[in-house]
Each structure stands twice: as C-alpha cells, then as structure tokens.
PDB file of N, CA and C in Angstrom:
ATOM      1  N   HIS A   1    -243.590 244.819   2.839  1.00  0.00           N
ATOM      2  CA  HIS A   1    -243.754 243.955   4.152  1.00  0.00           C
ATOM      3  C   HIS A   1    -242.664 242.927   3.969  1.00  0.00           C
ATOM      4  N   VAL A   2    -242.530 242.256   2.958  1.00  0.00           N
ATOM      5  CA  VAL A   2    -241.394 241.295   2.774  1.00  0.00           C
ATOM      6  C   VAL A   2    -240.180 241.854   2.813  1.00  0.00           C
ATOM      7  N   ARG A   3    -240.082 243.179   2.201  1.00  0.00           N
ATOM      8  CA  ARG A   3    -238.689 243.774   2.316  1.00  0.00           C
ATOM      9  C   ARG A   3    -238.268 244.031   3.822  1.00  0.00           C
ATOM     10  N   ASP A   4    -239.304 244.469   4.618  1.00  0.00           N
ATOM     11  CA  ASP A   4    -238.891 244.777   6.046  1.00  0.00           C
ATOM     12  C   ASP A   4    -238.570 243.503   6.712  1.00  0.00           C
ATOM     13  N   TRP A   5    -238.967 242.316   6.311  1.00  0.00           N
ATOM     14  CA  TRP A   5    -238.667 241.032   6.824  1.00  0.00           C
ATOM     15  C   TRP A   5    -237.264 240.703   6.385  1.00  0.00           C
ATOM     16  N   ILE A   6    -236.942 241.022   5.183  1.00  0.00           N
ATOM     17  CA  ILE A   6    -235.621 240.548   4.565  1.00  0.00           C
ATOM     18  C   ILE A   6    -234.703 241.577   5.255  1.00  0.00           C
ATOM     19  N   THR A   7    -235.041 242.858   5.505  1.00  0.00           N
ATOM     20  CA  THR A   7    -234.158 243.798   6.096  1.00  0.00           C
ATOM     21  C   THR A   7    -233.893 243.309   7.505  1.00  0.00           C
ATOM     22  N   ALA A   8    -234.975 242.913   8.176  1.00  0.00           N
ATOM     23  CA  ALA A   8    -234.853 242.569   9.654  1.00  0.00           C
ATOM     24  C   ALA A   8    -234.007 241.236   9.843  1.00  0.00           C
ATOM     25  N   VAL A   9    -234.302 240.325   8.925  1.00  0.00           N
ATOM     26  CA  VAL A   9    -233.503 238.915   8.954  1.00  0.00           C
ATOM     27  C   VAL A   9    -232.045 239.308   8.700  1.00  0.00           C
ATOM     28  N   SER A  10    -231.781 240.134   7.631  1.00  0.00           N
ATOM     29  CA  SER A  10    -230.461 240.398   7.364  1.00  0.00           C
ATOM     30  C   SER A  10    -229.744 241.082   8.454  1.00  0.00           C
ATOM     31  N   GLU A  11    -230.424 241.990   9.158  1.00  0.00           N
ATOM     32  CA  GLU A  11    -229.832 242.722  10.353  1.00  0.00           C
ATOM     33  C   GLU A  11    -229.533 241.636  11.487  1.00  0.00           C
ATOM     34  N   VAL A  12    -230.560 240.790  11.700  1.00  0.00           N
ATOM     35  CA  VAL A  12    -230.379 239.764  12.704  1.00  0.00           C
ATOM     36  C   VAL A  12    -229.193 238.819  12.207  1.00  0.00           C
ATOM     37  N   VAL A  13    -229.065 238.482  10.947  1.00  0.00           N
ATOM     38  CA  VAL A  13    -227.860 237.709  10.581  1.00  0.00           C
ATOM     39  C   VAL A  13    -226.604 238.477  10.672  1.00  0.00           C
ATOM     40  N   ASP A  14    -226.610 239.779  10.354  1.00  0.00           N
ATOM     41  CA  ASP A  14    -225.372 240.544  10.403  1.00  0.00           C
ATOM     42  C   ASP A  14    -225.059 240.609  11.968  1.00  0.00           C
ATOM     43  N   GLN A  15    -226.102 240.777  12.912  1.00  0.00           N
ATOM     44  CA  GLN A  15    -225.912 240.747  14.383  1.00  0.00           C
ATOM     45  C   GLN A  15    -225.343 239.430  14.779  1.00  0.00           C
ATOM     46  N   PHE A  16    -225.730 238.241  14.328  1.00  0.00           N
ATOM     47  CA  PHE A  16    -225.216 237.091  14.693  1.00  0.00           C
ATOM     48  C   PHE A  16    -223.903 236.893  14.203  1.00  0.00           C
ATOM     49  N   ALA A  17    -223.548 237.441  12.793  1.00  0.00           N
ATOM     50  CA  ALA A  17    -222.210 237.290  12.338  1.00  0.00           C
ATOM     51  C   ALA A  17    -221.303 238.129  13.271  1.00  0.00           C
ATOM     52  N   GLN A  18    -221.690 239.379  13.725  1.00  0.00           N
ATOM     53  CA  GLN A  18    -220.799 240.177  14.553  1.00  0.00           C
ATOM     54  C   GLN A  18    -220.627 239.440  15.944  1.00  0.00           C
ATOM     55  N   ILE A  19    -221.835 238.903  16.529  1.00  0.00           N
ATOM     56  CA  ILE A  19    -221.739 238.223  17.802  1.00  0.00           C
ATOM     57  C   ILE A  19    -220.764 236.978  17.639  1.00  0.00           C
ATOM     58  N   ARG A  20    -220.835 236.360  16.464  1.00  0.00           N
ATOM     59  CA  ARG A  20    -219.931 235.183  16.126  1.00  0.00           C
ATOM     60  C   ARG A  20    -218.439 235.641  16.105  1.00  0.00           C
ATOM     61  N   CYS A  21    -218.055 236.791  15.492  1.00  0.00           N
ATOM     62  CA  CYS A  21    -216.815 237.404  15.363  1.00  0.00           C
ATOM     63  C   CYS A  21    -216.388 237.725  16.831  1.00  0.00           C
ATOM     64  N   ASP A  22    -217.235 238.304  17.609  1.00  0.00           N
ATOM     65  CA  ASP A  22    -217.019 238.756  18.973  1.00  0.00           C
ATOM     66  C   ASP A  22    -216.566 237.606  19.822  1.00  0.00           C
ATOM     67  N   LEU A  23    -217.390 236.431  19.572  1.00  0.00           N
ATOM     68  CA  LEU A  23    -217.181 235.278  20.415  1.00  0.00           C
ATOM     69  C   LEU A  23    -215.809 234.812  19.973  1.00  0.00           C
ATOM     70  N   LYS A  24    -215.639 234.611  18.535  1.00  0.00           N
ATOM     71  CA  LYS A  24    -214.318 234.092  17.970  1.00  0.00           C
ATOM     72  C   LYS A  24    -213.058 234.924  18.721  1.00  0.00           C
ATOM     73  N   ASP A  25    -213.159 236.124  18.689  1.00  0.00           N
ATOM     74  CA  ASP A  25    -212.194 237.104  19.266  1.00  0.00           C
ATOM     75  C   ASP A  25    -212.007 236.801  20.743  1.00  0.00           C
ATOM     76  N   LEU A  26    -213.157 236.666  21.444  1.00  0.00           N
ATOM     77  CA  LEU A  26    -213.005 236.391  22.933  1.00  0.00           C
ATOM     78  C   LEU A  26    -212.262 235.003  23.073  1.00  0.00           C
ATOM     79  N   MET A  27    -212.739 233.972  22.204  1.00  0.00           N
ATOM     80  CA  MET A  27    -212.313 232.576  22.488  1.00  0.00           C
ATOM     81  C   MET A  27    -210.714 232.758  22.293  1.00  0.00           C
ATOM     82  N   GLU A  28    -210.357 233.473  21.123  1.00  0.00           N
ATOM     83  CA  GLU A  28    -208.874 233.517  20.909  1.00  0.00           C
ATOM     84  C   GLU A  28    -208.205 234.290  21.980  1.00  0.00           C
ATOM     85  N   GLU A  29    -208.728 235.319  22.515  1.00  0.00           N
ATOM     86  CA  GLU A  29    -208.331 236.050  23.691  1.00  0.00           C
ATOM     87  C   GLU A  29    -208.115 235.074  24.815  1.00  0.00           C
ATOM     88  N   GLU A  30    -209.128 234.398  25.027  1.00  0.00           N
ATOM     89  CA  GLU A  30    -209.102 233.361  26.172  1.00  0.00           C
ATOM     90  C   GLU A  30    -207.998 232.397  26.007  1.00  0.00           C
ATOM     91  N   GLN A  31    -207.927 231.856  24.850  1.00  0.00           N
ATOM     92  CA  GLN A  31    -206.741 230.871  24.558  1.00  0.00           C
ATOM     93  C   GLN A  31    -205.485 231.532  24.772  1.00  0.00           C
ATOM     94  N   MET A  32    -205.267 232.798  24.328  1.00  0.00           N
ATOM     95  CA  MET A  32    -204.106 233.548  24.519  1.00  0.00           C
ATOM     96  C   MET A  32    -203.883 233.506  26.014  1.00  0.00           C
ATOM     97  N   LYS A  33    -204.866 234.088  26.700  1.00  0.00           N
ATOM     98  CA  LYS A  33    -204.628 234.193  28.207  1.00  0.00           C
ATOM     99  C   LYS A  33    -204.256 232.915  28.749  1.00  0.00           C
ATOM    100  N   ALA A  34    -204.926 231.829  28.496  1.00  0.00           N
ATOM    101  CA  ALA A  34    -204.475 230.486  28.868  1.00  0.00           C
ATOM    102  C   ALA A  34    -203.013 230.090  28.410  1.00  0.00           C
ATOM    103  N   GLY A  35    -202.679 230.437  27.271  1.00  0.00           N
ATOM    104  CA  GLY A  35    -201.380 230.132  26.845  1.00  0.00           C
ATOM    105  C   GLY A  35    -200.388 231.028  27.532  1.00  0.00           C
ATOM    106  N   VAL A  36    -200.687 232.208  27.871  1.00  0.00           N
ATOM    107  CA  VAL A  36    -199.746 233.078  28.581  1.00  0.00           C
ATOM    108  C   VAL A  36    -199.536 232.633  29.967  1.00  0.00           C
ATOM    109  N   ALA A  37    -200.800 232.210  30.604  1.00  0.00           N
ATOM    110  CA  ALA A  37    -200.717 231.750  32.135  1.00  0.00           C
ATOM    111  C   ALA A  37    -199.874 230.295  31.999  1.00  0.00           C
ATOM    112  N   ASP A  38    -199.976 229.571  30.981  1.00  0.00           N
ATOM    113  CA  ASP A  38    -199.352 228.351  31.059  1.00  0.00           C
ATOM    114  C   ASP A  38    -197.879 228.694  30.835  1.00  0.00           C
ATOM    115  N   LEU A  39    -197.510 229.584  30.050  1.00  0.00           N
ATOM    116  CA  LEU A  39    -196.124 229.964  29.927  1.00  0.00           C
ATOM    117  C   LEU A  39    -195.450 230.629  31.102  1.00  0.00           C
ATOM    118  N   GLU A  40    -196.509 231.423  31.891  1.00  0.00           N
ATOM    119  CA  GLU A  40    -195.990 231.853  33.098  1.00  0.00           C
ATOM    120  C   GLU A  40    -195.611 230.903  34.049  1.00  0.00           C
ATOM    121  N   ILE A  41    -196.653 229.898  34.088  1.00  0.00           N
ATOM    122  CA  ILE A  41    -196.318 228.717  34.915  1.00  0.00           C
ATOM    123  C   ILE A  41    -194.990 228.057  34.661  1.00  0.00           C
ATOM    124  N   ARG A  42    -194.997 227.674  33.433  1.00  0.00           N
ATOM    125  CA  ARG A  42    -193.683 227.054  32.912  1.00  0.00           C
ATOM    126  C   ARG A  42    -192.449 227.816  33.249  1.00  0.00           C
ATOM    127  N   LEU A  43    -192.621 229.064  33.035  1.00  0.00           N
ATOM    128  CA  LEU A  43    -191.493 230.090  33.250  1.00  0.00           C
ATOM    129  C   LEU A  43    -191.161 230.002  34.763  1.00  0.00           C
ATOM    130  N   ALA A  44    -192.065 230.040  35.679  1.00  0.00           N
ATOM    131  CA  ALA A  44    -192.001 229.956  37.132  1.00  0.00           C
ATOM    132  C   ALA A  44    -191.267 228.709  37.512  1.00  0.00           C
ATOM    133  N   ALA A  45    -191.783 227.636  36.929  1.00  0.00           N
ATOM    134  CA  ALA A  45    -191.278 226.236  37.197  1.00  0.00           C
ATOM    135  C   ALA A  45    -189.746 226.134  36.712  1.00  0.00           C
ATOM    136  N   ALA A  46    -189.502 226.711  35.609  1.00  0.00           N
ATOM    137  CA  ALA A  46    -188.217 226.703  35.046  1.00  0.00           C
ATOM    138  C   ALA A  46    -187.149 227.470  36.066  1.00  0.00           C
ATOM    139  N   LYS A  47    -187.710 228.570  36.475  1.00  0.00           N
ATOM    140  CA  LYS A  47    -186.975 229.540  37.366  1.00  0.00           C
ATOM    141  C   LYS A  47    -186.718 228.742  38.571  1.00  0.00           C
ATOM    142  N   GLN A  48    -187.764 228.141  39.282  1.00  0.00           N
ATOM    143  CA  GLN A  48    -187.579 227.419  40.559  1.00  0.00           C
ATOM    144  C   GLN A  48    -186.517 226.221  40.217  1.00  0.00           C
ATOM    145  N   PHE A  49    -186.927 225.483  39.115  1.00  0.00           N
ATOM    146  CA  PHE A  49    -185.804 224.414  38.799  1.00  0.00           C
ATOM    147  C   PHE A  49    -184.292 224.984  38.762  1.00  0.00           C
ATOM    148  N   ARG A  50    -184.094 226.146  38.095  1.00  0.00           N
ATOM    149  CA  ARG A  50    -182.776 226.651  38.029  1.00  0.00           C
ATOM    150  C   ARG A  50    -182.323 227.058  39.420  1.00  0.00           C
ATOM    151  N   HIS A  51    -183.343 227.673  40.223  1.00  0.00           N
ATOM    152  CA  HIS A  51    -182.811 227.992  41.551  1.00  0.00           C
ATOM    153  C   HIS A  51    -182.422 226.696  42.330  1.00  0.00           C
ATOM    154  N   ASP A  52    -183.285 225.645  42.276  1.00  0.00           N
ATOM    155  CA  ASP A  52    -183.136 224.459  43.052  1.00  0.00           C
ATOM    156  C   ASP A  52    -181.653 223.982  42.637  1.00  0.00           C
ATOM    157  N   GLU A  53    -181.514 223.971  41.200  1.00  0.00           N
ATOM    158  CA  GLU A  53    -180.194 223.275  40.675  1.00  0.00           C
ATOM    159  C   GLU A  53    -179.031 224.155  41.078  1.00  0.00           C
ATOM    160  N   MET A  54    -179.304 225.393  41.231  1.00  0.00           N
ATOM    161  CA  MET A  54    -178.027 226.405  41.702  1.00  0.00           C
ATOM    162  C   MET A  54    -177.813 226.096  43.311  1.00  0.00           C
ATOM    163  N   GLN A  55    -178.966 225.962  43.941  1.00  0.00           N
ATOM    164  CA  GLN A  55    -178.809 225.557  45.308  1.00  0.00           C
ATOM    165  C   GLN A  55    -178.143 224.310  45.608  1.00  0.00           C
ATOM    166  N   LEU A  56    -178.427 223.319  44.710  1.00  0.00           N
ATOM    167  CA  LEU A  56    -177.798 221.919  44.704  1.00  0.00           C
ATOM    168  C   LEU A  56    -176.374 222.196  44.252  1.00  0.00           C
ATOM    169  N   GLN A  57    -175.995 222.985  43.343  1.00  0.00           N
ATOM    170  CA  GLN A  57    -174.609 223.162  42.974  1.00  0.00           C
ATOM    171  C   GLN A  57    -174.026 223.788  44.175  1.00  0.00           C
ATOM    172  N   VAL A  58    -174.450 224.807  44.731  1.00  0.00           N
ATOM    173  CA  VAL A  58    -173.954 225.592  45.766  1.00  0.00           C
ATOM    174  C   VAL A  58    -173.633 224.682  46.992  1.00  0.00           C
ATOM    175  N   SER A  59    -174.611 223.837  47.414  1.00  0.00           N
ATOM    176  CA  SER A  59    -174.380 222.966  48.401  1.00  0.00           C
ATOM    177  C   SER A  59    -173.308 221.922  48.143  1.00  0.00           C
ATOM    178  N   LYS A  60    -173.267 221.450  46.922  1.00  0.00           N
ATOM    179  CA  LYS A  60    -172.128 220.332  46.454  1.00  0.00           C
ATOM    180  C   LYS A  60    -170.824 221.096  46.574  1.00  0.00           C
ATOM    181  N   LEU A  61    -170.742 222.295  45.941  1.00  0.00           N
ATOM    182  CA  LEU A  61    -169.437 222.977  46.223  1.00  0.00           C
ATOM    183  C   LEU A  61    -169.043 223.296  47.487  1.00  0.00           C
ATOM    184  N   THR A  62    -169.961 223.612  48.241  1.00  0.00           N
ATOM    185  CA  THR A  62    -169.763 223.930  49.831  1.00  0.00           C
ATOM    186  C   THR A  62    -169.147 222.596  50.337  1.00  0.00           C
ATOM    187  N   HIS A  63    -169.879 221.628  50.052  1.00  0.00           N
ATOM    188  CA  HIS A  63    -169.419 220.268  50.754  1.00  0.00           C
ATOM    189  C   HIS A  63    -167.931 219.951  50.216  1.00  0.00           C
ATOM    190  N   GLU A  64    -167.785 220.203  48.963  1.00  0.00           N
ATOM    191  CA  GLU A  64    -166.340 219.887  48.380  1.00  0.00           C
ATOM    192  C   GLU A  64    -165.296 220.816  49.046  1.00  0.00           C
ATOM    193  N   LEU A  65    -165.796 222.051  49.292  1.00  0.00           N
ATOM    194  CA  LEU A  65    -165.039 222.967  49.928  1.00  0.00           C
ATOM    195  C   LEU A  65    -164.526 222.553  51.177  1.00  0.00           C
ATOM    196  N   VAL A  66    -165.590 222.268  51.923  1.00  0.00           N
ATOM    197  CA  VAL A  66    -165.291 221.698  53.422  1.00  0.00           C
ATOM    198  C   VAL A  66    -164.330 220.596  53.346  1.00  0.00           C
ATOM    199  N   HIS A  67    -164.660 219.490  52.348  1.00  0.00           N
ATOM    200  CA  HIS A  67    -163.798 218.337  52.370  1.00  0.00           C
ATOM    201  C   HIS A  67    -162.380 218.875  51.927  1.00  0.00           C
ATOM    202  N   ALA A  68    -162.322 219.695  51.005  1.00  0.00           N
ATOM    203  CA  ALA A  68    -160.760 220.239  50.541  1.00  0.00           C
ATOM    204  C   ALA A  68    -160.118 220.884  51.736  1.00  0.00           C
ATOM    205  N   ASN A  69    -160.894 221.648  52.532  1.00  0.00           N
ATOM    206  CA  ASN A  69    -160.292 222.367  53.757  1.00  0.00           C
ATOM    207  C   ASN A  69    -159.747 221.220  54.679  1.00  0.00           C
ATOM    208  N   LYS A  70    -160.613 220.242  54.958  1.00  0.00           N
ATOM    209  CA  LYS A  70    -160.335 219.021  55.907  1.00  0.00           C
ATOM    210  C   LYS A  70    -159.054 218.481  55.400  1.00  0.00           C
ATOM    211  N   LYS A  71    -159.054 218.040  54.068  1.00  0.00           N
ATOM    212  CA  LYS A  71    -157.876 217.537  53.461  1.00  0.00           C
ATOM    213  C   LYS A  71    -156.552 218.309  53.664  1.00  0.00           C
ATOM    214  N   HIS A  72    -156.780 219.640  53.323  1.00  0.00           N
ATOM    215  CA  HIS A  72    -155.568 220.572  53.435  1.00  0.00           C
ATOM    216  C   HIS A  72    -155.165 220.541  54.852  1.00  0.00           C
ATOM    217  N   SER A  73    -155.996 220.792  55.826  1.00  0.00           N
ATOM    218  CA  SER A  73    -155.617 220.741  57.420  1.00  0.00           C
ATOM    219  C   SER A  73    -154.830 219.482  57.659  1.00  0.00           C
ATOM    220  N   LEU A  74    -155.514 218.390  57.093  1.00  0.00           N
ATOM    221  CA  LEU A  74    -154.893 217.055  57.408  1.00  0.00           C
ATOM    222  C   LEU A  74    -153.374 216.956  56.852  1.00  0.00           C
ATOM    223  N   LEU A  75    -153.372 217.328  55.633  1.00  0.00           N
ATOM    224  CA  LEU A  75    -152.064 217.391  54.849  1.00  0.00           C
ATOM    225  C   LEU A  75    -151.012 218.445  55.599  1.00  0.00           C
ATOM    226  N   LYS A  76    -151.676 219.511  56.211  1.00  0.00           N
ATOM    227  CA  LYS A  76    -150.806 220.283  56.895  1.00  0.00           C
ATOM    228  C   LYS A  76    -150.207 219.748  58.208  1.00  0.00           C
ATOM    229  N   SER A  77    -151.237 219.195  58.821  1.00  0.00           N
ATOM    230  CA  SER A  77    -150.599 218.430  60.094  1.00  0.00           C
ATOM    231  C   SER A  77    -149.776 217.314  59.697  1.00  0.00           C
ATOM    232  N   GLU A  78    -150.018 216.572  58.748  1.00  0.00           N
ATOM    233  CA  GLU A  78    -149.136 215.519  58.312  1.00  0.00           C
ATOM    234  C   GLU A  78    -147.622 216.154  57.821  1.00  0.00           C
ATOM    235  N   MET A  79    -147.772 217.229  57.197  1.00  0.00           N
ATOM    236  CA  MET A  79    -146.495 217.782  56.883  1.00  0.00           C
ATOM    237  C   MET A  79    -145.703 218.310  58.064  1.00  0.00           C
ATOM    238  N   THR A  80    -146.465 218.929  59.107  1.00  0.00           N
ATOM    239  CA  THR A  80    -145.892 219.192  60.422  1.00  0.00           C
ATOM    240  C   THR A  80    -145.389 217.923  61.047  1.00  0.00           C
ATOM    241  N   ASN A  81    -146.175 216.920  61.047  1.00  0.00           N
ATOM    242  CA  ASN A  81    -145.780 215.751  61.765  1.00  0.00           C
ATOM    243  C   ASN A  81    -144.430 215.218  60.906  1.00  0.00           C
ATOM    244  N   THR A  82    -144.542 215.289  59.737  1.00  0.00           N
ATOM    245  CA  THR A  82    -143.453 214.833  58.790  1.00  0.00           C
ATOM    246  C   THR A  82    -142.252 215.598  59.133  1.00  0.00           C
ATOM    247  N   THR A  83    -142.320 216.769  59.188  1.00  0.00           N
ATOM    248  CA  THR A  83    -141.155 217.697  59.523  1.00  0.00           C
ATOM    249  C   THR A  83    -140.636 217.434  60.952  1.00  0.00           C
ATOM    250  N   GLU A  84    -141.646 217.269  61.786  1.00  0.00           N
ATOM    251  CA  GLU A  84    -141.006 216.959  63.197  1.00  0.00           C
ATOM    252  C   GLU A  84    -140.322 215.601  63.265  1.00  0.00           C
ATOM    253  N   GLN A  85    -140.967 214.609  62.480  1.00  0.00           N
ATOM    254  CA  GLN A  85    -140.338 213.335  62.371  1.00  0.00           C
ATOM    255  C   GLN A  85    -139.087 213.421  61.671  1.00  0.00           C
ATOM    256  N   ARG A  86    -139.039 214.264  60.707  1.00  0.00           N
ATOM    257  CA  ARG A  86    -137.616 214.331  59.932  1.00  0.00           C
ATOM    258  C   ARG A  86    -136.606 214.949  60.937  1.00  0.00           C
ATOM    259  N   TRP A  87    -136.973 216.063  61.680  1.00  0.00           N
ATOM    260  CA  TRP A  87    -136.045 216.587  62.828  1.00  0.00           C
ATOM    261  C   TRP A  87    -135.733 215.463  63.606  1.00  0.00           C
ATOM    262  N   HIS A  88    -136.686 214.714  64.123  1.00  0.00           N
ATOM    263  CA  HIS A  88    -136.331 213.643  65.190  1.00  0.00           C
ATOM    264  C   HIS A  88    -135.400 212.774  64.462  1.00  0.00           C
ATOM    265  N   VAL A  89    -135.493 212.291  63.285  1.00  0.00           N
ATOM    266  CA  VAL A  89    -134.536 211.365  62.419  1.00  0.00           C
ATOM    267  C   VAL A  89    -133.283 212.007  62.530  1.00  0.00           C
ATOM    268  N   VAL A  90    -133.190 213.306  62.178  1.00  0.00           N
ATOM    269  CA  VAL A  90    -131.949 213.880  62.116  1.00  0.00           C
ATOM    270  C   VAL A  90    -131.310 214.009  63.532  1.00  0.00           C
ATOM    271  N   ARG A  91    -132.019 214.247  64.460  1.00  0.00           N
ATOM    272  CA  ARG A  91    -131.567 214.193  65.730  1.00  0.00           C
ATOM    273  C   ARG A  91    -130.758 212.725  66.168  1.00  0.00           C
ATOM    274  N   ILE A  92    -131.645 211.849  65.750  1.00  0.00           N
ATOM    275  CA  ILE A  92    -131.305 210.449  66.151  1.00  0.00           C
ATOM    276  C   ILE A  92    -130.046 210.139  65.341  1.00  0.00           C
ATOM    277  N   LYS A  93    -129.866 210.663  63.995  1.00  0.00           N
ATOM    278  CA  LYS A  93    -128.694 210.384  63.382  1.00  0.00           C
ATOM    279  C   LYS A  93    -127.586 211.016  63.914  1.00  0.00           C
ATOM    280  N   ALA A  94    -127.810 212.343  64.336  1.00  0.00           N
ATOM    281  CA  ALA A  94    -126.594 212.965  65.012  1.00  0.00           C
ATOM    282  C   ALA A  94    -126.192 212.341  66.169  1.00  0.00           C
ATOM    283  N   VAL A  95    -127.060 211.962  67.115  1.00  0.00           N
ATOM    284  CA  VAL A  95    -126.735 211.240  68.356  1.00  0.00           C
ATOM    285  C   VAL A  95    -125.934 209.935  68.025  1.00  0.00           C
ATOM    286  N   LYS A  96    -126.399 209.257  67.126  1.00  0.00           N
ATOM    287  CA  LYS A  96    -125.799 207.990  66.670  1.00  0.00           C
ATOM    288  C   LYS A  96    -124.403 208.322  66.208  1.00  0.00           C
ATOM    289  N   ALA A  97    -124.289 209.218  65.362  1.00  0.00           N
ATOM    290  CA  ALA A  97    -123.033 209.641  64.768  1.00  0.00           C
ATOM    291  C   ALA A  97    -121.997 209.970  65.877  1.00  0.00           C
ATOM    292  N   LEU A  98    -122.523 210.735  66.887  1.00  0.00           N
ATOM    293  CA  LEU A  98    -121.775 211.107  68.001  1.00  0.00           C
ATOM    294  C   LEU A  98    -121.364 209.881  68.904  1.00  0.00           C
ATOM    295  N   LEU A  99    -122.222 208.970  69.088  1.00  0.00           N
ATOM    296  CA  LEU A  99    -121.960 207.847  69.727  1.00  0.00           C
ATOM    297  C   LEU A  99    -120.890 206.847  69.028  1.00  0.00           C
ATOM    298  N   VAL A 100    -121.109 206.784  67.757  1.00  0.00           N
ATOM    299  CA  VAL A 100    -120.239 206.000  66.959  1.00  0.00           C
ATOM    300  C   VAL A 100    -118.777 206.671  66.930  1.00  0.00           C
ATOM    301  N   PHE A 101    -118.774 208.063  66.858  1.00  0.00           N
ATOM    302  CA  PHE A 101    -117.487 208.847  66.951  1.00  0.00           C
ATOM    303  C   PHE A 101    -116.898 208.539  68.501  1.00  0.00           C
ATOM    304  N   ARG A 102    -117.701 208.643  69.580  1.00  0.00           N
ATOM    305  CA  ARG A 102    -117.263 208.537  70.890  1.00  0.00           C
ATOM    306  C   ARG A 102    -116.699 206.997  71.023  1.00  0.00           C
ATOM    307  N   ASN A 103    -117.404 206.011  70.638  1.00  0.00           N
ATOM    308  CA  ASN A 103    -117.106 204.634  70.813  1.00  0.00           C
ATOM    309  C   ASN A 103    -115.777 204.410  70.045  1.00  0.00           C
ATOM    310  N   ARG A 104    -115.658 204.893  68.802  1.00  0.00           N
ATOM    311  CA  ARG A 104    -114.316 204.741  68.087  1.00  0.00           C
ATOM    312  C   ARG A 104    -113.231 205.374  68.871  1.00  0.00           C
ATOM    313  N   TRP A 105    -113.608 206.666  69.337  1.00  0.00           N
ATOM    314  CA  TRP A 105    -112.448 207.418  70.082  1.00  0.00           C
ATOM    315  C   TRP A 105    -112.164 206.577  71.335  1.00  0.00           C
ATOM    316  N   LEU A 106    -113.201 206.136  72.123  1.00  0.00           N
ATOM    317  CA  LEU A 106    -112.929 205.410  73.185  1.00  0.00           C
ATOM    318  C   LEU A 106    -112.152 204.211  72.973  1.00  0.00           C
ATOM    319  N   SER A 107    -112.623 203.413  71.956  1.00  0.00           N
ATOM    320  CA  SER A 107    -111.816 202.185  71.730  1.00  0.00           C
ATOM    321  C   SER A 107    -110.564 202.415  71.357  1.00  0.00           C
ATOM    322  N   ARG A 108    -110.114 203.609  70.494  1.00  0.00           N
ATOM    323  CA  ARG A 108    -108.887 203.953  70.348  1.00  0.00           C
ATOM    324  C   ARG A 108    -108.068 204.130  71.539  1.00  0.00           C
ATOM    325  N   ALA A 109    -108.671 205.047  72.396  1.00  0.00           N
ATOM    326  CA  ALA A 109    -108.171 205.402  73.544  1.00  0.00           C
ATOM    327  C   ALA A 109    -107.723 204.134  74.507  1.00  0.00           C
ATOM    328  N   VAL A 110    -108.770 203.412  74.490  1.00  0.00           N
ATOM    329  CA  VAL A 110    -108.602 201.947  75.318  1.00  0.00           C
ATOM    330  C   VAL A 110    -107.444 201.234  74.783  1.00  0.00           C
ATOM    331  N   ALA A 111    -107.483 201.175  73.375  1.00  0.00           N
ATOM    332  CA  ALA A 111    -106.421 200.402  72.776  1.00  0.00           C
ATOM    333  C   ALA A 111    -105.052 201.085  73.007  1.00  0.00           C
ATOM    334  N   GLN A 112    -104.956 202.369  72.823  1.00  0.00           N
ATOM    335  CA  GLN A 112    -103.695 203.128  73.128  1.00  0.00           C
ATOM    336  C   GLN A 112    -103.317 202.873  74.563  1.00  0.00           C
ATOM    337  N   TRP A 113    -104.123 202.945  75.463  1.00  0.00           N
ATOM    338  CA  TRP A 113    -103.822 202.801  76.987  1.00  0.00           C
ATOM    339  C   TRP A 113    -103.347 201.257  77.132  1.00  0.00           C
ATOM    340  N   ARG A 114    -104.016 200.324  76.492  1.00  0.00           N
ATOM    341  CA  ARG A 114    -103.589 198.985  76.792  1.00  0.00           C
ATOM    342  C   ARG A 114    -102.210 198.697  76.171  1.00  0.00           C
ATOM    343  N   PHE A 115    -102.099 199.331  74.913  1.00  0.00           N
ATOM    344  CA  PHE A 115    -100.667 199.282  74.306  1.00  0.00           C
ATOM    345  C   PHE A 115     -99.651 199.757  75.205  1.00  0.00           C
ATOM    346  N   ARG A 116     -99.892 201.079  75.731  1.00  0.00           N
ATOM    347  CA  ARG A 116     -98.777 201.639  76.628  1.00  0.00           C
ATOM    348  C   ARG A 116     -98.590 200.723  77.631  1.00  0.00           C
ATOM    349  N   ASN A 117     -99.802 200.296  78.383  1.00  0.00           N
ATOM    350  CA  ASN A 117     -99.684 199.458  79.586  1.00  0.00           C
ATOM    351  C   ASN A 117     -98.738 198.094  79.324  1.00  0.00           C
ATOM    352  N   ILE A 118     -99.188 197.610  78.094  1.00  0.00           N
ATOM    353  CA  ILE A 118     -98.451 196.409  77.816  1.00  0.00           C
ATOM    354  C   ILE A 118     -96.917 196.612  77.373  1.00  0.00           C
ATOM    355  N   ARG A 119     -96.652 197.909  76.804  1.00  0.00           N
ATOM    356  CA  ARG A 119     -95.346 198.129  76.705  1.00  0.00           C
ATOM    357  C   ARG A 119     -94.499 198.585  77.877  1.00  0.00           C
ATOM    358  N   ARG A 120     -95.350 199.199  78.876  1.00  0.00           N
ATOM    359  CA  ARG A 120     -94.703 199.434  80.104  1.00  0.00           C
ATOM    360  C   ARG A 120     -94.400 198.274  80.820  1.00  0.00           C
ATOM    361  N   ILE A 121     -95.308 197.145  80.887  1.00  0.00           N
ATOM    362  CA  ILE A 121     -95.088 195.919  81.438  1.00  0.00           C
ATOM    363  C   ILE A 121     -93.918 195.219  80.737  1.00  0.00           C
ATOM    364  N   MET A 122     -93.977 195.282  79.504  1.00  0.00           N
ATOM    365  CA  MET A 122     -92.823 194.649  78.645  1.00  0.00           C
ATOM    366  C   MET A 122     -91.388 195.202  78.960  1.00  0.00           C
ATOM    367  N   LEU A 123     -91.518 196.689  78.938  1.00  0.00           N
ATOM    368  CA  LEU A 123     -90.292 197.287  79.357  1.00  0.00           C
ATOM    369  C   LEU A 123     -89.746 197.107  80.702  1.00  0.00           C
ATOM    370  N   GLN A 124     -90.448 196.829  81.691  1.00  0.00           N
ATOM    371  CA  GLN A 124     -90.027 196.619  82.967  1.00  0.00           C
ATOM    372  C   GLN A 124     -89.199 195.517  83.171  1.00  0.00           C
TER     373      GLN A 124
END
C-alpha cells in the first residue's frame, strides 16, 4: 500500500517536474517571441528612420540642386549681360576713337584751310 503511494507520489512529482520543464520551455519561447517582436519593431523603426533620413537627404539635395540651377541661370544671364555690356563698351570706344580721329582730322583740315586762307590773304 505504501509502495503504491510512493509510486503515485513519484509519478505526480515526475509529472510536475515535466509540467515545470514544459512551462519553462514555454516561458523561454514566449520570451524569445517577445524578443523577436521587439527586434522586428526596432528593425521597422530603423528602416523608417533610414527612409526618413534618406527622404530628408533627397529633399536637401533637391533644394541644393534648385539653388544651384538658379545660381547657374543667374550667372548665365550675368555673363550674357556682361558680354552685352562689353560689346557696348567696345562700341562706345570705337565711336569715341572715330570721333577723336574725325575731330583731329577736322581740326587739321580747319587749320590747313586757315593757314591757306591766311597765306592767300598775305600773298594778295
């Protein structure tokens, strides 16, 4: 009779030990699942952060590109203006040179004419 009790008790103890092992395994599995879920959440957050960071970089680069394009077109127009201004300056210089030449020629011609007239008057 005592033997049956001992056997029954040892079976119950074995069953509890087995249940305890099963519970321990389940707890470990749950912890692993929670860990995996946490890692998945972290990974998703990291991916989102990288995506946001890349979007930010893209928008910054786009802004810089737009700014550079504006600067380029401004410089282009300035260069065009500068070229036009340079042509204008060259034209002005050419006209000035022609005027100076004409004035000198005219003043020489006038001087020669006066000289001739004065000689003519003197010779008469």
